[in-house]
Amino acid sequence: MDKRHWPALLVFILFIVLTAGCQSRSNAENAIYFMEKSAAAETGFNKVQPSLVAAEKREHQLFETIMQTEPSQKGDIRSRCEKALEAVGDRERIIEKEKKSIDRSYALFKKAIPYLKEVKDGQGKARAESMIRHMENRYRAFQALYAYYKESVQTDRKLFQLLKADHLTFDDLERQVVKADDLYKKIKMEKDLFNQHTKAFNDEKRRFHQTLGQGG
């Protein structure tokens, strides 16, 4: 054989070996591979969480301070409203980063689903089905949380713009505060659901790891 063809032949052989190695893995092992990739994709989500909490706290503290400021101190109110609006902007940027991270993670998890559905042994099959269910519910909860959060950002932005305006009526302020509070309740509800499904998924994933080697 012409030696010039050897590199191409070696590449072809290497491809066959790697493909065979991937195919030789069990369904459970392939599922775990993609689930670990999915978990790694959420590093960004976990990294920005403290910044989001800090921005929320900063905005809340500024709102409390503004509400305690004498209406005659308009300059102080405007200054604090501007700082609060900066915090609102920070929240908006961070939630977008979180969404990108969660979307990327879920896309990778979906690659594990076909393998999870092929796990045949009783205990492993039950764990696999439970993981799929919890991850799908978790993702739905985050999408709802994200939608409410985006609406909350716009509501809070309008609230601080009202507070720094020259002409503010009590009815306008009350209406905006009630709307903001209602959204915070909805966000908390979806956040609680998200956390519940996150914990349930992680518990099932740990148990699934323990069943690895018992079939699949």
C-alpha atoms as a PDB file:
ATOM      1  CA  MET A   1       0.000   0.000   0.000  1.00  0.00           C
ATOM      2  CA  ASP A   2       1.143   3.512  -0.796  1.00  0.00           C
ATOM      3  CA  LYS A   3       2.498   5.060   2.449  1.00  0.00           C
ATOM      4  CA  ARG A   4       0.710   8.295   1.585  1.00  0.00           C
ATOM      5  CA  HIS A   5      -2.602   6.580   2.406  1.00  0.00           C
ATOM      6  CA  TRP A   6      -1.516   5.473   5.884  1.00  0.00           C
ATOM      7  CA  PRO A   7      -2.591   8.653   7.778  1.00  0.00           C
ATOM      8  CA  ALA A   8      -6.108   8.417   6.320  1.00  0.00           C
ATOM      9  CA  LEU A   9      -6.258   4.722   7.205  1.00  0.00           C
ATOM     10  CA  LEU A  10      -5.130   5.390  10.768  1.00  0.00           C
ATOM     11  CA  VAL A  11      -7.786   8.089  11.190  1.00  0.00           C
ATOM     12  CA  PHE A  12     -10.442   5.674   9.901  1.00  0.00           C
ATOM     13  CA  ILE A  13      -9.309   2.929  12.298  1.00  0.00           C
ATOM     14  CA  LEU A  14      -9.265   5.377  15.219  1.00  0.00           C
ATOM     15  CA  PHE A  15     -12.825   6.470  14.349  1.00  0.00           C
ATOM     16  CA  ILE A  16     -14.001   2.842  14.323  1.00  0.00           C
ATOM     17  CA  VAL A  17     -12.344   2.162  17.692  1.00  0.00           C
ATOM     18  CA  LEU A  18     -13.834   5.257  19.332  1.00  0.00           C
ATOM     19  CA  THR A  19     -17.290   4.550  17.893  1.00  0.00           C
ATOM     20  CA  ALA A  20     -17.155   0.971  19.082  1.00  0.00           C
ATOM     21  CA  GLY A  21     -16.091   2.164  22.523  1.00  0.00           C
ATOM     22  CA  CYS A  22     -19.066   4.509  22.727  1.00  0.00           C
ATOM     23  CA  GLN A  23     -21.457   1.793  21.568  1.00  0.00           C
ATOM     24  CA  SER A  24     -20.037  -0.654  24.095  1.00  0.00           C
ATOM     25  CA  ARG A  25     -21.100   1.585  26.986  1.00  0.00           C
ATOM     26  CA  SER A  26     -24.359   0.666  28.643  1.00  0.00           C
ATOM     27  CA  ASN A  27     -27.447   2.848  28.295  1.00  0.00           C
ATOM     28  CA  ALA A  28     -27.012   3.873  31.934  1.00  0.00           C
ATOM     29  CA  GLU A  29     -23.400   4.924  31.361  1.00  0.00           C
ATOM     30  CA  ASN A  30     -24.303   6.935  28.251  1.00  0.00           C
ATOM     31  CA  ALA A  31     -27.122   8.630  30.167  1.00  0.00           C
ATOM     32  CA  ILE A  32     -24.780   9.524  33.020  1.00  0.00           C
ATOM     33  CA  TYR A  33     -22.255  10.941  30.542  1.00  0.00           C
ATOM     34  CA  PHE A  34     -24.792  13.451  29.191  1.00  0.00           C
ATOM     35  CA  MET A  35     -26.206  14.184  32.653  1.00  0.00           C
ATOM     36  CA  GLU A  36     -22.740  15.132  33.868  1.00  0.00           C
ATOM     37  CA  LYS A  37     -22.359  17.392  30.834  1.00  0.00           C
ATOM     38  CA  SER A  38     -25.729  18.918  31.721  1.00  0.00           C
ATOM     39  CA  ALA A  39     -24.674  19.525  35.323  1.00  0.00           C
ATOM     40  CA  ALA A  40     -21.419  21.163  34.195  1.00  0.00           C
ATOM     41  CA  ALA A  41     -23.404  23.532  31.959  1.00  0.00           C
ATOM     42  CA  GLU A  42     -25.115  24.942  35.053  1.00  0.00           C
ATOM     43  CA  THR A  43     -21.855  26.255  36.488  1.00  0.00           C
ATOM     44  CA  GLY A  44     -22.751  29.713  35.186  1.00  0.00           C
ATOM     45  CA  PHE A  45     -26.166  29.564  36.834  1.00  0.00           C
ATOM     46  CA  ASN A  46     -24.658  28.725  40.226  1.00  0.00           C
ATOM     47  CA  LYS A  47     -21.923  31.320  39.827  1.00  0.00           C
ATOM     48  CA  VAL A  48     -24.271  34.293  39.327  1.00  0.00           C
ATOM     49  CA  GLN A  49     -26.809  33.353  42.011  1.00  0.00           C
ATOM     50  CA  PRO A  50     -25.055  35.356  44.784  1.00  0.00           C
ATOM     51  CA  SER A  51     -24.951  38.429  42.526  1.00  0.00           C
ATOM     52  CA  LEU A  52     -28.676  38.150  41.844  1.00  0.00           C
ATOM     53  CA  VAL A  53     -29.497  37.856  45.539  1.00  0.00           C
ATOM     54  CA  ALA A  54     -27.280  40.871  46.274  1.00  0.00           C
ATOM     55  CA  ALA A  55     -28.995  42.980  43.573  1.00  0.00           C
ATOM     56  CA  GLU A  56     -32.432  42.024  44.911  1.00  0.00           C
ATOM     57  CA  LYS A  57     -31.407  42.907  48.454  1.00  0.00           C
ATOM     58  CA  ARG A  58     -29.911  46.229  47.354  1.00  0.00           C
ATOM     59  CA  GLU A  59     -33.080  47.164  45.479  1.00  0.00           C
ATOM     60  CA  HIS A  60     -35.316  46.213  48.429  1.00  0.00           C
ATOM     61  CA  GLN A  61     -33.220  48.254  50.865  1.00  0.00           C
ATOM     62  CA  LEU A  62     -33.334  51.298  48.584  1.00  0.00           C
ATOM     63  CA  PHE A  63     -37.116  50.975  48.242  1.00  0.00           C
ATOM     64  CA  GLU A  64     -37.502  50.861  52.031  1.00  0.00           C
ATOM     65  CA  THR A  65     -35.255  53.919  52.391  1.00  0.00           C
ATOM     66  CA  ILE A  66     -37.182  55.838  49.710  1.00  0.00           C
ATOM     67  CA  MET A  67     -40.516  55.102  51.403  1.00  0.00           C
ATOM     68  CA  GLN A  68     -39.124  56.487  54.668  1.00  0.00           C
ATOM     69  CA  THR A  69     -37.773  59.667  53.038  1.00  0.00           C
ATOM     70  CA  GLU A  70     -39.742  62.866  53.432  1.00  0.00           C
ATOM     71  CA  PRO A  71     -41.513  63.816  50.155  1.00  0.00           C
ATOM     72  CA  SER A  72     -39.926  67.261  50.398  1.00  0.00           C
ATOM     73  CA  GLN A  73     -36.454  65.685  49.985  1.00  0.00           C
ATOM     74  CA  LYS A  74     -36.993  65.174  46.275  1.00  0.00           C
ATOM     75  CA  GLY A  75     -33.298  65.227  45.427  1.00  0.00           C
ATOM     76  CA  ASP A  76     -32.552  62.336  47.792  1.00  0.00           C
ATOM     77  CA  ILE A  77     -35.521  60.386  46.449  1.00  0.00           C
ATOM     78  CA  ARG A  78     -34.402  60.814  42.842  1.00  0.00           C
ATOM     79  CA  SER A  79     -30.844  59.789  43.687  1.00  0.00           C
ATOM     80  CA  ARG A  80     -32.002  56.633  45.472  1.00  0.00           C
ATOM     81  CA  CYS A  81     -34.424  55.819  42.662  1.00  0.00           C
ATOM     82  CA  GLU A  82     -31.551  55.990  40.164  1.00  0.00           C
ATOM     83  CA  LYS A  83     -29.520  53.577  42.290  1.00  0.00           C
ATOM     84  CA  ALA A  84     -32.539  51.285  42.574  1.00  0.00           C
ATOM     85  CA  LEU A  85     -32.971  51.357  38.793  1.00  0.00           C
ATOM     86  CA  GLU A  86     -29.330  50.300  38.445  1.00  0.00           C
ATOM     87  CA  ALA A  87     -30.079  47.330  40.697  1.00  0.00           C
ATOM     88  CA  VAL A  88     -33.118  46.487  38.545  1.00  0.00           C
ATOM     89  CA  GLY A  89     -30.874  46.537  35.477  1.00  0.00           C
ATOM     90  CA  ASP A  90     -28.393  44.234  37.214  1.00  0.00           C
ATOM     91  CA  ARG A  91     -31.219  41.800  38.006  1.00  0.00           C
ATOM     92  CA  GLU A  92     -32.321  41.809  34.378  1.00  0.00           C
ATOM     93  CA  ARG A  93     -28.816  41.063  33.074  1.00  0.00           C
ATOM     94  CA  ILE A  94     -28.247  38.294  35.606  1.00  0.00           C
ATOM     95  CA  ILE A  95     -31.554  36.492  34.981  1.00  0.00           C
ATOM     96  CA  GLU A  96     -30.666  36.387  31.261  1.00  0.00           C
ATOM     97  CA  LYS A  97     -27.370  34.701  32.136  1.00  0.00           C
ATOM     98  CA  GLU A  98     -29.231  32.220  34.309  1.00  0.00           C
ATOM     99  CA  LYS A  99     -31.657  31.403  31.513  1.00  0.00           C
ATOM    100  CA  LYS A 100     -28.857  30.765  29.021  1.00  0.00           C
ATOM    101  CA  SER A 101     -27.200  28.417  31.496  1.00  0.00           C
ATOM    102  CA  ILE A 102     -30.419  26.516  32.287  1.00  0.00           C
ATOM    103  CA  ASP A 103     -31.384  26.259  28.595  1.00  0.00           C
ATOM    104  CA  ARG A 104     -27.940  24.903  27.706  1.00  0.00           C
ATOM    105  CA  SER A 105     -28.112  22.423  30.577  1.00  0.00           C
ATOM    106  CA  TYR A 106     -31.563  21.178  29.601  1.00  0.00           C
ATOM    107  CA  ALA A 107     -30.537  20.763  25.951  1.00  0.00           C
ATOM    108  CA  LEU A 108     -27.717  18.466  27.080  1.00  0.00           C
ATOM    109  CA  PHE A 109     -30.000  16.555  29.427  1.00  0.00           C
ATOM    110  CA  LYS A 110     -32.374  15.860  26.535  1.00  0.00           C
ATOM    111  CA  LYS A 111     -29.532  13.912  24.902  1.00  0.00           C
ATOM    112  CA  ALA A 112     -29.580  11.583  27.905  1.00  0.00           C
ATOM    113  CA  ILE A 113     -33.315  10.888  27.640  1.00  0.00           C
ATOM    114  CA  PRO A 114     -33.150   8.272  24.819  1.00  0.00           C
ATOM    115  CA  TYR A 115     -30.598   6.299  26.858  1.00  0.00           C
ATOM    116  CA  LEU A 116     -32.583   6.653  30.081  1.00  0.00           C
ATOM    117  CA  LYS A 117     -35.655   5.283  28.307  1.00  0.00           C
ATOM    118  CA  GLU A 118     -33.649   2.224  27.248  1.00  0.00           C
ATOM    119  CA  VAL A 119     -32.666   1.283  30.796  1.00  0.00           C
ATOM    120  CA  LYS A 120     -34.494  -2.016  31.340  1.00  0.00           C
ATOM    121  CA  ASP A 121     -33.878  -3.313  34.863  1.00  0.00           C
ATOM    122  CA  GLY A 122     -36.698  -2.557  37.274  1.00  0.00           C
ATOM    123  CA  GLN A 123     -34.985  -0.299  39.799  1.00  0.00           C
ATOM    124  CA  GLY A 124     -32.871   1.513  37.236  1.00  0.00           C
ATOM    125  CA  LYS A 125     -35.873   1.986  34.940  1.00  0.00           C
ATOM    126  CA  ALA A 126     -37.928   3.534  37.758  1.00  0.00           C
ATOM    127  CA  ARG A 127     -35.065   5.894  38.675  1.00  0.00           C
ATOM    128  CA  ALA A 128     -34.596   6.872  35.039  1.00  0.00           C
ATOM    129  CA  GLU A 129     -38.286   7.664  34.542  1.00  0.00           C
ATOM    130  CA  SER A 130     -38.325   9.675  37.756  1.00  0.00           C
ATOM    131  CA  MET A 131     -35.276  11.702  36.699  1.00  0.00           C
ATOM    132  CA  ILE A 132     -36.853  12.565  33.354  1.00  0.00           C
ATOM    133  CA  ARG A 133     -40.090  13.626  35.051  1.00  0.00           C
ATOM    134  CA  HIS A 134     -38.366  15.805  37.654  1.00  0.00           C
ATOM    135  CA  MET A 135     -36.026  17.446  35.142  1.00  0.00           C
ATOM    136  CA  GLU A 136     -38.895  18.290  32.785  1.00  0.00           C
ATOM    137  CA  ASN A 137     -40.948  19.721  35.674  1.00  0.00           C
ATOM    138  CA  ARG A 138     -37.886  21.628  36.884  1.00  0.00           C
ATOM    139  CA  TYR A 139     -37.363  23.169  33.465  1.00  0.00           C
ATOM    140  CA  ARG A 140     -41.044  24.149  33.195  1.00  0.00           C
ATOM    141  CA  ALA A 141     -40.854  25.763  36.645  1.00  0.00           C
ATOM    142  CA  PHE A 142     -37.814  27.779  35.603  1.00  0.00           C
ATOM    143  CA  GLN A 143     -39.481  28.965  32.402  1.00  0.00           C
ATOM    144  CA  ALA A 144     -42.475  30.191  34.423  1.00  0.00           C
ATOM    145  CA  LEU A 145     -40.141  31.763  37.000  1.00  0.00           C
ATOM    146  CA  TYR A 146     -38.229  33.516  34.218  1.00  0.00           C
ATOM    147  CA  ALA A 147     -41.417  34.917  32.663  1.00  0.00           C
ATOM    148  CA  TYR A 148     -42.633  36.269  36.005  1.00  0.00           C
ATOM    149  CA  TYR A 149     -39.168  37.627  36.787  1.00  0.00           C
ATOM    150  CA  LYS A 150     -38.989  39.533  33.500  1.00  0.00           C
ATOM    151  CA  GLU A 151     -42.410  41.014  34.211  1.00  0.00           C
ATOM    152  CA  SER A 152     -41.260  41.868  37.730  1.00  0.00           C
ATOM    153  CA  VAL A 153     -38.242  43.732  36.377  1.00  0.00           C
ATOM    154  CA  GLN A 154     -40.470  45.884  34.176  1.00  0.00           C
ATOM    155  CA  THR A 155     -42.917  46.462  37.050  1.00  0.00           C
ATOM    156  CA  ASP A 156     -40.159  47.504  39.458  1.00  0.00           C
ATOM    157  CA  ARG A 157     -38.605  49.754  36.843  1.00  0.00           C
ATOM    158  CA  LYS A 158     -41.928  51.550  36.395  1.00  0.00           C
ATOM    159  CA  LEU A 159     -42.329  51.753  40.199  1.00  0.00           C
ATOM    160  CA  PHE A 160     -39.049  53.634  40.676  1.00  0.00           C
ATOM    161  CA  GLN A 161     -39.760  55.854  37.703  1.00  0.00           C
ATOM    162  CA  LEU A 162     -43.067  56.779  39.367  1.00  0.00           C
ATOM    163  CA  LEU A 163     -41.342  57.438  42.684  1.00  0.00           C
ATOM    164  CA  LYS A 164     -38.899  59.919  41.172  1.00  0.00           C
ATOM    165  CA  ALA A 165     -41.571  61.716  39.125  1.00  0.00           C
ATOM    166  CA  ASP A 166     -42.660  65.226  40.128  1.00  0.00           C
ATOM    167  CA  HIS A 167     -46.328  64.325  40.210  1.00  0.00           C
ATOM    168  CA  LEU A 168     -47.085  61.048  41.983  1.00  0.00           C
ATOM    169  CA  THR A 169     -50.557  60.019  43.123  1.00  0.00           C
ATOM    170  CA  PHE A 170     -51.191  57.593  45.945  1.00  0.00           C
ATOM    171  CA  ASP A 171     -53.443  55.468  43.699  1.00  0.00           C
ATOM    172  CA  ASP A 172     -50.735  55.062  41.044  1.00  0.00           C
ATOM    173  CA  LEU A 173     -48.161  54.108  43.674  1.00  0.00           C
ATOM    174  CA  GLU A 174     -50.470  51.657  45.432  1.00  0.00           C
ATOM    175  CA  ARG A 175     -51.441  49.986  42.152  1.00  0.00           C
ATOM    176  CA  GLN A 176     -47.805  49.491  41.167  1.00  0.00           C
ATOM    177  CA  VAL A 177     -46.762  48.188  44.599  1.00  0.00           C
ATOM    178  CA  VAL A 178     -49.655  45.685  44.630  1.00  0.00           C
ATOM    179  CA  LYS A 179     -48.665  44.465  41.169  1.00  0.00           C
ATOM    180  CA  ALA A 180     -45.025  44.090  42.233  1.00  0.00           C
ATOM    181  CA  ASP A 181     -45.982  42.172  45.389  1.00  0.00           C
ATOM    182  CA  ASP A 182     -48.240  39.835  43.382  1.00  0.00           C
ATOM    183  CA  LEU A 183     -45.392  39.035  41.013  1.00  0.00           C
ATOM    184  CA  TYR A 184     -42.987  38.375  43.891  1.00  0.00           C
ATOM    185  CA  LYS A 185     -45.457  35.800  45.247  1.00  0.00           C
ATOM    186  CA  LYS A 186     -45.640  34.070  41.871  1.00  0.00           C
ATOM    187  CA  ILE A 187     -41.847  34.105  41.562  1.00  0.00           C
ATOM    188  CA  LYS A 188     -41.499  32.551  45.014  1.00  0.00           C
ATOM    189  CA  MET A 189     -44.004  29.828  44.135  1.00  0.00           C
ATOM    190  CA  GLU A 190     -42.150  28.868  40.941  1.00  0.00           C
ATOM    191  CA  LYS A 191     -38.777  29.146  42.683  1.00  0.00           C
ATOM    192  CA  ASP A 192     -39.971  26.743  45.376  1.00  0.00           C
ATOM    193  CA  LEU A 193     -41.152  24.297  42.687  1.00  0.00           C
ATOM    194  CA  PHE A 194     -37.828  24.641  40.861  1.00  0.00           C
ATOM    195  CA  ASN A 195     -35.901  23.910  44.071  1.00  0.00           C
ATOM    196  CA  GLN A 196     -38.140  20.957  44.953  1.00  0.00           C
ATOM    197  CA  HIS A 197     -37.635  19.326  41.559  1.00  0.00           C
ATOM    198  CA  THR A 198     -33.906  20.112  41.672  1.00  0.00           C
ATOM    199  CA  LYS A 199     -33.564  18.275  44.987  1.00  0.00           C
ATOM    200  CA  ALA A 200     -35.750  15.382  43.838  1.00  0.00           C
ATOM    201  CA  PHE A 201     -33.759  15.039  40.610  1.00  0.00           C
ATOM    202  CA  ASN A 202     -30.421  15.070  42.427  1.00  0.00           C
ATOM    203  CA  ASP A 203     -31.666  12.457  44.898  1.00  0.00           C
ATOM    204  CA  GLU A 204     -32.801  10.188  42.068  1.00  0.00           C
ATOM    205  CA  LYS A 205     -29.565  10.782  40.169  1.00  0.00           C
ATOM    206  CA  ARG A 206     -27.555   9.701  43.210  1.00  0.00           C
ATOM    207  CA  ARG A 207     -29.652   6.542  43.540  1.00  0.00           C
ATOM    208  CA  PHE A 208     -29.329   5.913  39.801  1.00  0.00           C
ATOM    209  CA  HIS A 209     -25.540   6.027  40.141  1.00  0.00           C
ATOM    210  CA  GLN A 210     -25.833   3.410  42.873  1.00  0.00           C
ATOM    211  CA  THR A 211     -27.765   1.073  40.569  1.00  0.00           C
ATOM    212  CA  LEU A 212     -25.187   1.382  37.774  1.00  0.00           C
ATOM    213  CA  GLY A 213     -23.755  -2.056  37.104  1.00  0.00           C
ATOM    214  CA  GLN A 214     -26.957  -3.793  38.078  1.00  0.00           C
ATOM    215  CA  GLY A 215     -28.164  -3.850  34.487  1.00  0.00           C
ATOM    216  CA  GLY A 216     -29.278  -1.375  31.824  1.00  0.00           C
END
